[in-house]
């Protein structure tokens, strides 16, 4: 029985080392690459109990943020492209196409029919001023006891379509619907003055008729001047002023009667 235990002990005990493995690789002609990779792995692994300097150990990154709030450095944010901010974004009014300087210049051009119009500014599809003037016209008519908002917008839409078709036939370059609506809407400003005066006194008489004819001529002259400068239609201002006078005459009829 003791012999069997000694045999079992001798069987499981072995003096196998790395040198024996290397000799086995060389002796039995095994793969050299496999042996070299094993040798490099054993050289890289430090022996147990060996002293390793603290400089060679990888330093863990310290976490300076709060719970559920990861810490980002400015370099990391710049690499991610998150440092653009709101400084480079255009203003909201510019994105909506609202330019108060151009609106003021167009209003002054309409109020002064003898002033030459700037074709580059007038050839814009700006509908902010026309919407405001249409609302002002309807509001002043409402103050005079006339609820004509539907008539104002309906005649404006039909007049813009008719003028668009006429101007495309007369001009070489052509014109867009937005440009026609913008010019006709801005030139509606003198009609707002007429409807405001109707709140104070009645226009059904000779003074009211003369004032209405003057306002119609003012609106049509301003609109024809802007159209001729924006579309380069020199010498055709009277031809454009006639249909404009017919359109603004309808608004004058709403205001007077």
C-alpha atoms as a PDB file:
ATOM      1  CA  UNK A   1       0.000   0.000   0.000  1.00  0.00           C
ATOM      2  CA  UNK A   2       2.852   2.367   0.731  1.00  0.00           C
ATOM      3  CA  UNK A   3       4.376   1.569  -2.612  1.00  0.00           C
ATOM      4  CA  UNK A   4       1.162   2.603  -4.377  1.00  0.00           C
ATOM      5  CA  UNK A   5       1.089   5.934  -2.524  1.00  0.00           C
ATOM      6  CA  UNK A   6       4.746   6.570  -3.394  1.00  0.00           C
ATOM      7  CA  UNK A   7       4.027   5.776  -7.035  1.00  0.00           C
ATOM      8  CA  UNK A   8       1.041   8.173  -7.088  1.00  0.00           C
ATOM      9  CA  UNK A   9       3.149  10.917  -5.532  1.00  0.00           C
ATOM     10  CA  UNK A  10       5.966  10.416  -8.036  1.00  0.00           C
ATOM     11  CA  UNK A  11       3.461  10.365 -10.886  1.00  0.00           C
ATOM     12  CA  UNK A  12       1.822  13.736 -10.113  1.00  0.00           C
ATOM     13  CA  UNK A  13       5.005  15.508  -9.107  1.00  0.00           C
ATOM     14  CA  UNK A  14       6.931  17.063 -11.958  1.00  0.00           C
ATOM     15  CA  UNK A  15       9.877  19.376 -12.419  1.00  0.00           C
ATOM     16  CA  UNK A  16       8.591  20.815 -15.678  1.00  0.00           C
ATOM     17  CA  UNK A  17       9.840  24.422 -16.235  1.00  0.00           C
ATOM     18  CA  UNK A  18       9.883  27.030 -18.967  1.00  0.00           C
ATOM     19  CA  UNK A  19      13.352  25.913 -20.021  1.00  0.00           C
ATOM     20  CA  UNK A  20      12.039  22.418 -20.555  1.00  0.00           C
ATOM     21  CA  UNK A  21       9.231  23.857 -22.674  1.00  0.00           C
ATOM     22  CA  UNK A  22      11.702  25.759 -24.800  1.00  0.00           C
ATOM     23  CA  UNK A  23      13.847  22.659 -25.206  1.00  0.00           C
ATOM     24  CA  UNK A  24      10.743  20.710 -26.135  1.00  0.00           C
ATOM     25  CA  UNK A  25       9.896  23.267 -28.806  1.00  0.00           C
ATOM     26  CA  UNK A  26      13.384  23.080 -30.238  1.00  0.00           C
ATOM     27  CA  UNK A  27      13.645  19.334 -29.999  1.00  0.00           C
ATOM     28  CA  UNK A  28      10.299  18.346 -31.411  1.00  0.00           C
ATOM     29  CA  UNK A  29      10.329  20.961 -34.166  1.00  0.00           C
ATOM     30  CA  UNK A  30       7.109  22.725 -33.185  1.00  0.00           C
ATOM     31  CA  UNK A  31       6.076  26.129 -34.413  1.00  0.00           C
ATOM     32  CA  UNK A  32       8.693  28.793 -33.655  1.00  0.00           C
ATOM     33  CA  UNK A  33       6.201  31.621 -33.661  1.00  0.00           C
ATOM     34  CA  UNK A  34       4.151  29.925 -30.966  1.00  0.00           C
ATOM     35  CA  UNK A  35       7.208  29.434 -28.800  1.00  0.00           C
ATOM     36  CA  UNK A  36       8.344  33.040 -29.261  1.00  0.00           C
ATOM     37  CA  UNK A  37       4.886  34.365 -28.347  1.00  0.00           C
ATOM     38  CA  UNK A  38       4.867  32.302 -25.183  1.00  0.00           C
ATOM     39  CA  UNK A  39       8.329  33.538 -24.304  1.00  0.00           C
ATOM     40  CA  UNK A  40       7.323  37.174 -24.797  1.00  0.00           C
ATOM     41  CA  UNK A  41       4.240  36.701 -22.622  1.00  0.00           C
ATOM     42  CA  UNK A  42       6.300  35.222 -19.820  1.00  0.00           C
ATOM     43  CA  UNK A  43       8.796  38.054 -20.046  1.00  0.00           C
ATOM     44  CA  UNK A  44       6.073  40.698 -19.925  1.00  0.00           C
ATOM     45  CA  UNK A  45       4.361  39.229 -16.875  1.00  0.00           C
ATOM     46  CA  UNK A  46       6.143  40.260 -13.685  1.00  0.00           C
ATOM     47  CA  UNK A  47       7.013  37.585 -11.237  1.00  0.00           C
ATOM     48  CA  UNK A  48       4.867  37.112  -8.212  1.00  0.00           C
ATOM     49  CA  UNK A  49       6.051  39.223  -5.348  1.00  0.00           C
ATOM     50  CA  UNK A  50       8.298  41.379  -7.532  1.00  0.00           C
ATOM     51  CA  UNK A  51       8.373  45.118  -6.849  1.00  0.00           C
ATOM     52  CA  UNK A  52       6.849  47.302  -9.557  1.00  0.00           C
ATOM     53  CA  UNK A  53       7.478  51.086  -9.402  1.00  0.00           C
ATOM     54  CA  UNK A  54       4.460  53.328  -9.081  1.00  0.00           C
ATOM     55  CA  UNK A  55       5.490  55.296 -12.177  1.00  0.00           C
ATOM     56  CA  UNK A  56       4.977  52.197 -14.330  1.00  0.00           C
ATOM     57  CA  UNK A  57       1.476  51.561 -13.074  1.00  0.00           C
ATOM     58  CA  UNK A  58      -1.372  53.136 -15.120  1.00  0.00           C
ATOM     59  CA  UNK A  59      -2.836  56.067 -13.272  1.00  0.00           C
ATOM     60  CA  UNK A  60      -6.638  55.857 -12.967  1.00  0.00           C
ATOM     61  CA  UNK A  61      -8.546  58.885 -14.216  1.00  0.00           C
ATOM     62  CA  UNK A  62     -10.107  60.791 -11.371  1.00  0.00           C
ATOM     63  CA  UNK A  63     -13.829  61.525 -11.672  1.00  0.00           C
ATOM     64  CA  UNK A  64     -14.646  65.105 -10.762  1.00  0.00           C
ATOM     65  CA  UNK A  65     -18.312  65.227 -11.770  1.00  0.00           C
ATOM     66  CA  UNK A  66     -21.452  64.656  -9.793  1.00  0.00           C
ATOM     67  CA  UNK A  67     -23.788  61.724  -9.733  1.00  0.00           C
ATOM     68  CA  UNK A  68     -25.739  61.415 -13.013  1.00  0.00           C
ATOM     69  CA  UNK A  69     -23.846  64.475 -14.302  1.00  0.00           C
ATOM     70  CA  UNK A  70     -20.772  63.416 -16.292  1.00  0.00           C
ATOM     71  CA  UNK A  71     -17.885  65.828 -16.339  1.00  0.00           C
ATOM     72  CA  UNK A  72     -16.884  67.153 -19.791  1.00  0.00           C
ATOM     73  CA  UNK A  73     -13.808  69.164 -20.424  1.00  0.00           C
ATOM     74  CA  UNK A  74     -13.788  72.033 -22.968  1.00  0.00           C
ATOM     75  CA  UNK A  75     -11.462  69.991 -25.189  1.00  0.00           C
ATOM     76  CA  UNK A  76     -13.907  67.105 -25.247  1.00  0.00           C
ATOM     77  CA  UNK A  77     -16.816  69.399 -26.090  1.00  0.00           C
ATOM     78  CA  UNK A  78     -14.856  71.064 -28.866  1.00  0.00           C
ATOM     79  CA  UNK A  79     -14.013  67.664 -30.327  1.00  0.00           C
ATOM     80  CA  UNK A  80     -17.666  66.681 -30.209  1.00  0.00           C
ATOM     81  CA  UNK A  81     -18.672  69.924 -31.974  1.00  0.00           C
ATOM     82  CA  UNK A  82     -20.909  71.143 -29.159  1.00  0.00           C
ATOM     83  CA  UNK A  83     -19.250  74.520 -28.574  1.00  0.00           C
ATOM     84  CA  UNK A  84     -21.010  76.276 -31.432  1.00  0.00           C
ATOM     85  CA  UNK A  85     -23.604  77.825 -29.111  1.00  0.00           C
ATOM     86  CA  UNK A  86     -26.242  80.315 -30.137  1.00  0.00           C
ATOM     87  CA  UNK A  87     -23.827  83.068 -31.154  1.00  0.00           C
ATOM     88  CA  UNK A  88     -23.432  81.799 -34.724  1.00  0.00           C
ATOM     89  CA  UNK A  89     -27.170  81.350 -35.294  1.00  0.00           C
ATOM     90  CA  UNK A  90     -28.979  84.137 -37.180  1.00  0.00           C
ATOM     91  CA  UNK A  91     -31.664  86.173 -35.373  1.00  0.00           C
ATOM     92  CA  UNK A  92     -35.223  84.907 -35.387  1.00  0.00           C
ATOM     93  CA  UNK A  93     -36.562  87.888 -37.371  1.00  0.00           C
ATOM     94  CA  UNK A  94     -33.930  87.312 -40.054  1.00  0.00           C
ATOM     95  CA  UNK A  95     -34.936  83.656 -40.329  1.00  0.00           C
ATOM     96  CA  UNK A  96     -38.568  84.709 -40.725  1.00  0.00           C
ATOM     97  CA  UNK A  97     -37.620  87.211 -43.431  1.00  0.00           C
ATOM     98  CA  UNK A  98     -38.624  90.321 -41.456  1.00  0.00           C
ATOM     99  CA  UNK A  99     -36.355  93.314 -42.000  1.00  0.00           C
ATOM    100  CA  UNK A 100     -37.592  96.462 -40.288  1.00  0.00           C
ATOM    101  CA  UNK A 101     -35.166  98.683 -42.190  1.00  0.00           C
ATOM    102  CA  UNK A 102     -36.536  97.562 -45.555  1.00  0.00           C
ATOM    103  CA  UNK A 103     -40.096  97.915 -44.271  1.00  0.00           C
ATOM    104  CA  UNK A 104     -39.396 101.503 -43.217  1.00  0.00           C
ATOM    105  CA  UNK A 105     -37.764 102.355 -46.563  1.00  0.00           C
ATOM    106  CA  UNK A 106     -40.712 100.923 -48.504  1.00  0.00           C
ATOM    107  CA  UNK A 107     -43.154 102.836 -46.329  1.00  0.00           C
ATOM    108  CA  UNK A 108     -41.289 106.105 -46.947  1.00  0.00           C
ATOM    109  CA  UNK A 109     -41.239 105.365 -50.677  1.00  0.00           C
ATOM    110  CA  UNK A 110     -45.022 104.953 -50.681  1.00  0.00           C
ATOM    111  CA  UNK A 111     -45.608 108.070 -48.600  1.00  0.00           C
ATOM    112  CA  UNK A 112     -43.454 110.144 -50.968  1.00  0.00           C
ATOM    113  CA  UNK A 113     -44.554 109.395 -54.563  1.00  0.00           C
ATOM    114  CA  UNK A 114     -41.931 111.758 -55.989  1.00  0.00           C
ATOM    115  CA  UNK A 115     -39.076 109.882 -54.351  1.00  0.00           C
ATOM    116  CA  UNK A 116     -37.292 107.404 -56.681  1.00  0.00           C
ATOM    117  CA  UNK A 117     -37.788 103.795 -55.636  1.00  0.00           C
ATOM    118  CA  UNK A 118     -34.971 101.343 -55.035  1.00  0.00           C
ATOM    119  CA  UNK A 119     -35.657  98.410 -57.336  1.00  0.00           C
ATOM    120  CA  UNK A 120     -33.458  95.967 -55.383  1.00  0.00           C
ATOM    121  CA  UNK A 121     -35.454  96.504 -52.193  1.00  0.00           C
ATOM    122  CA  UNK A 122     -38.862  96.695 -53.838  1.00  0.00           C
ATOM    123  CA  UNK A 123     -38.321  93.424 -55.700  1.00  0.00           C
ATOM    124  CA  UNK A 124     -38.609  91.425 -52.459  1.00  0.00           C
ATOM    125  CA  UNK A 125     -41.442  89.174 -51.387  1.00  0.00           C
ATOM    126  CA  UNK A 126     -41.987  90.901 -48.042  1.00  0.00           C
ATOM    127  CA  UNK A 127     -45.556  90.422 -46.831  1.00  0.00           C
ATOM    128  CA  UNK A 128     -45.165  91.760 -43.289  1.00  0.00           C
ATOM    129  CA  UNK A 129     -46.076  95.343 -44.186  1.00  0.00           C
ATOM    130  CA  UNK A 130     -48.992  94.390 -46.475  1.00  0.00           C
ATOM    131  CA  UNK A 131     -50.554  92.192 -43.804  1.00  0.00           C
ATOM    132  CA  UNK A 132     -50.275  94.977 -41.248  1.00  0.00           C
ATOM    133  CA  UNK A 133     -51.810  97.545 -43.609  1.00  0.00           C
ATOM    134  CA  UNK A 134     -54.672  95.206 -44.542  1.00  0.00           C
ATOM    135  CA  UNK A 135     -55.419  94.643 -40.875  1.00  0.00           C
ATOM    136  CA  UNK A 136     -55.246  98.390 -40.255  1.00  0.00           C
ATOM    137  CA  UNK A 137     -57.661  99.044 -43.122  1.00  0.00           C
ATOM    138  CA  UNK A 138     -60.118  96.468 -41.802  1.00  0.00           C
ATOM    139  CA  UNK A 139     -59.782  97.819 -38.251  1.00  0.00           C
ATOM    140  CA  UNK A 140     -60.450 101.414 -39.273  1.00  0.00           C
ATOM    141  CA  UNK A 141     -63.447 100.315 -41.334  1.00  0.00           C
ATOM    142  CA  UNK A 142     -64.671  98.417 -38.296  1.00  0.00           C
ATOM    143  CA  UNK A 143     -64.352 101.571 -36.209  1.00  0.00           C
ATOM    144  CA  UNK A 144     -66.560 103.317 -38.750  1.00  0.00           C
ATOM    145  CA  UNK A 145     -69.167 100.589 -38.349  1.00  0.00           C
ATOM    146  CA  UNK A 146     -68.293  98.551 -41.463  1.00  0.00           C
ATOM    147  CA  UNK A 147     -67.277  94.901 -41.109  1.00  0.00           C
ATOM    148  CA  UNK A 148     -65.454  94.369 -44.401  1.00  0.00           C
ATOM    149  CA  UNK A 149     -62.480  92.128 -43.532  1.00  0.00           C
ATOM    150  CA  UNK A 150     -63.585  89.489 -46.040  1.00  0.00           C
ATOM    151  CA  UNK A 151     -63.989  92.049 -48.813  1.00  0.00           C
ATOM    152  CA  UNK A 152     -60.552  93.526 -48.108  1.00  0.00           C
ATOM    153  CA  UNK A 153     -58.733  90.202 -48.316  1.00  0.00           C
ATOM    154  CA  UNK A 154     -60.858  88.940 -51.201  1.00  0.00           C
ATOM    155  CA  UNK A 155     -60.297  91.988 -53.401  1.00  0.00           C
ATOM    156  CA  UNK A 156     -56.602  91.974 -52.481  1.00  0.00           C
ATOM    157  CA  UNK A 157     -56.192  88.373 -53.632  1.00  0.00           C
ATOM    158  CA  UNK A 158     -58.099  88.888 -56.895  1.00  0.00           C
ATOM    159  CA  UNK A 159     -56.271  92.151 -57.602  1.00  0.00           C
ATOM    160  CA  UNK A 160     -52.868  90.544 -57.042  1.00  0.00           C
ATOM    161  CA  UNK A 161     -53.645  87.714 -59.454  1.00  0.00           C
ATOM    162  CA  UNK A 162     -54.920  90.134 -62.120  1.00  0.00           C
ATOM    163  CA  UNK A 163     -51.912  92.454 -61.777  1.00  0.00           C
ATOM    164  CA  UNK A 164     -49.530  89.493 -61.864  1.00  0.00           C
ATOM    165  CA  UNK A 165     -50.973  88.312 -65.168  1.00  0.00           C
ATOM    166  CA  UNK A 166     -50.902  91.837 -66.624  1.00  0.00           C
ATOM    167  CA  UNK A 167     -47.325  92.576 -65.551  1.00  0.00           C
ATOM    168  CA  UNK A 168     -46.050  89.280 -66.925  1.00  0.00           C
ATOM    169  CA  UNK A 169     -47.550  90.213 -70.288  1.00  0.00           C
ATOM    170  CA  UNK A 170     -46.064  93.706 -70.264  1.00  0.00           C
ATOM    171  CA  UNK A 171     -42.584  93.030 -68.822  1.00  0.00           C
ATOM    172  CA  UNK A 172     -39.729  91.025 -70.300  1.00  0.00           C
ATOM    173  CA  UNK A 173     -38.232  89.582 -67.110  1.00  0.00           C
ATOM    174  CA  UNK A 174     -41.519  88.718 -65.415  1.00  0.00           C
ATOM    175  CA  UNK A 175     -42.546  89.098 -61.791  1.00  0.00           C
ATOM    176  CA  UNK A 176     -43.506  86.758 -58.959  1.00  0.00           C
ATOM    177  CA  UNK A 177     -46.762  86.654 -57.034  1.00  0.00           C
ATOM    178  CA  UNK A 178     -45.018  87.664 -53.821  1.00  0.00           C
ATOM    179  CA  UNK A 179     -43.523  90.792 -55.354  1.00  0.00           C
ATOM    180  CA  UNK A 180     -46.897  91.918 -56.733  1.00  0.00           C
ATOM    181  CA  UNK A 181     -48.623  91.286 -53.405  1.00  0.00           C
ATOM    182  CA  UNK A 182     -45.877  93.135 -51.534  1.00  0.00           C
ATOM    183  CA  UNK A 183     -46.024  96.266 -53.719  1.00  0.00           C
ATOM    184  CA  UNK A 184     -49.816  96.447 -53.822  1.00  0.00           C
ATOM    185  CA  UNK A 185     -50.002  95.893 -50.070  1.00  0.00           C
ATOM    186  CA  UNK A 186     -47.510  98.622 -49.222  1.00  0.00           C
ATOM    187  CA  UNK A 187     -49.282 101.064 -51.508  1.00  0.00           C
ATOM    188  CA  UNK A 188     -52.464 100.409 -49.533  1.00  0.00           C
ATOM    189  CA  UNK A 189     -51.157 102.697 -46.789  1.00  0.00           C
ATOM    190  CA  UNK A 190     -52.784 105.924 -48.138  1.00  0.00           C
ATOM    191  CA  UNK A 191     -56.106 104.060 -48.202  1.00  0.00           C
ATOM    192  CA  UNK A 192     -55.689 103.474 -44.456  1.00  0.00           C
ATOM    193  CA  UNK A 193     -55.461 107.257 -44.058  1.00  0.00           C
ATOM    194  CA  UNK A 194     -58.727 107.620 -45.981  1.00  0.00           C
ATOM    195  CA  UNK A 195     -60.503 105.023 -43.853  1.00  0.00           C
ATOM    196  CA  UNK A 196     -59.173 106.680 -40.692  1.00  0.00           C
ATOM    197  CA  UNK A 197     -60.636 110.002 -41.783  1.00  0.00           C
ATOM    198  CA  UNK A 198     -63.972 108.238 -42.377  1.00  0.00           C
ATOM    199  CA  UNK A 199     -64.111 107.537 -38.640  1.00  0.00           C
ATOM    200  CA  UNK A 200     -64.037 111.274 -37.865  1.00  0.00           C
ATOM    201  CA  UNK A 201     -66.425 112.637 -40.526  1.00  0.00           C
ATOM    202  CA  UNK A 202     -68.562 111.313 -43.353  1.00  0.00           C
ATOM    203  CA  UNK A 203     -67.041 111.025 -46.827  1.00  0.00           C
ATOM    204  CA  UNK A 204     -70.369 111.023 -48.683  1.00  0.00           C
ATOM    205  CA  UNK A 205     -70.122 114.486 -50.213  1.00  0.00           C
ATOM    206  CA  UNK A 206     -67.955 116.635 -52.414  1.00  0.00           C
ATOM    207  CA  UNK A 207     -65.041 116.944 -49.938  1.00  0.00           C
ATOM    208  CA  UNK A 208     -65.096 113.195 -49.343  1.00  0.00           C
ATOM    209  CA  UNK A 209     -65.187 112.458 -53.065  1.00  0.00           C
ATOM    210  CA  UNK A 210     -62.271 114.789 -53.761  1.00  0.00           C
ATOM    211  CA  UNK A 211     -60.283 113.242 -50.928  1.00  0.00           C
ATOM    212  CA  UNK A 212     -61.058 109.728 -52.195  1.00  0.00           C
ATOM    213  CA  UNK A 213     -59.909 110.620 -55.736  1.00  0.00           C
ATOM    214  CA  UNK A 214     -56.717 112.106 -54.337  1.00  0.00           C
ATOM    215  CA  UNK A 215     -56.005 108.949 -52.319  1.00  0.00           C
ATOM    216  CA  UNK A 216     -56.690 106.737 -55.359  1.00  0.00           C
ATOM    217  CA  UNK A 217     -54.244 108.762 -57.447  1.00  0.00           C
ATOM    218  CA  UNK A 218     -51.673 108.614 -54.628  1.00  0.00           C
ATOM    219  CA  UNK A 219     -51.891 104.822 -54.314  1.00  0.00           C
ATOM    220  CA  UNK A 220     -51.814 104.170 -58.053  1.00  0.00           C
ATOM    221  CA  UNK A 221     -48.907 106.569 -58.629  1.00  0.00           C
ATOM    222  CA  UNK A 222     -46.813 104.942 -55.899  1.00  0.00           C
ATOM    223  CA  UNK A 223     -47.560 101.422 -57.126  1.00  0.00           C
ATOM    224  CA  UNK A 224     -46.821 102.224 -60.779  1.00  0.00           C
ATOM    225  CA  UNK A 225     -43.571 103.962 -59.801  1.00  0.00           C
ATOM    226  CA  UNK A 226     -42.381 100.926 -57.837  1.00  0.00           C
ATOM    227  CA  UNK A 227     -43.347  98.489 -60.587  1.00  0.00           C
ATOM    228  CA  UNK A 228     -41.537 100.469 -63.289  1.00  0.00           C
ATOM    229  CA  UNK A 229     -38.343 100.724 -61.206  1.00  0.00           C
ATOM    230  CA  UNK A 230     -38.356  97.076 -60.076  1.00  0.00           C
ATOM    231  CA  UNK A 231     -39.172  95.616 -63.516  1.00  0.00           C
ATOM    232  CA  UNK A 232     -37.250  98.159 -65.626  1.00  0.00           C
ATOM    233  CA  UNK A 233     -40.414  99.237 -67.484  1.00  0.00           C
ATOM    234  CA  UNK A 234     -39.523 102.823 -68.302  1.00  0.00           C
ATOM    235  CA  UNK A 235     -42.128 104.769 -70.246  1.00  0.00           C
ATOM    236  CA  UNK A 236     -44.973 102.452 -69.194  1.00  0.00           C
ATOM    237  CA  UNK A 237     -45.907 103.992 -65.851  1.00  0.00           C
ATOM    238  CA  UNK A 238     -49.258 105.341 -67.052  1.00  0.00           C
ATOM    239  CA  UNK A 239     -50.206 101.942 -68.483  1.00  0.00           C
ATOM    240  CA  UNK A 240     -49.521 100.339 -65.110  1.00  0.00           C
ATOM    241  CA  UNK A 241     -51.157 103.153 -63.118  1.00  0.00           C
ATOM    242  CA  UNK A 242     -54.550 102.673 -64.817  1.00  0.00           C
ATOM    243  CA  UNK A 243     -55.285  99.093 -63.577  1.00  0.00           C
ATOM    244  CA  UNK A 244     -53.832 100.046 -60.171  1.00  0.00           C
ATOM    245  CA  UNK A 245     -56.295 102.953 -59.987  1.00  0.00           C
ATOM    246  CA  UNK A 246     -59.159 100.568 -60.754  1.00  0.00           C
ATOM    247  CA  UNK A 247     -58.089  98.251 -57.940  1.00  0.00           C
ATOM    248  CA  UNK A 248     -57.662 100.992 -55.358  1.00  0.00           C
ATOM    249  CA  UNK A 249     -60.961 102.516 -56.503  1.00  0.00           C
ATOM    250  CA  UNK A 250     -62.718  99.406 -55.159  1.00  0.00           C
ATOM    251  CA  UNK A 251     -61.152  99.947 -51.735  1.00  0.00           C
ATOM    252  CA  UNK A 252     -62.215 103.595 -51.890  1.00  0.00           C
ATOM    253  CA  UNK A 253     -65.805 102.548 -52.589  1.00  0.00           C
ATOM    254  CA  UNK A 254     -65.720 100.322 -49.504  1.00  0.00           C
ATOM    255  CA  UNK A 255     -64.439 103.235 -47.445  1.00  0.00           C
ATOM    256  CA  UNK A 256     -66.793 105.947 -48.694  1.00  0.00           C
ATOM    257  CA  UNK A 257     -70.083 103.988 -48.929  1.00  0.00           C
END
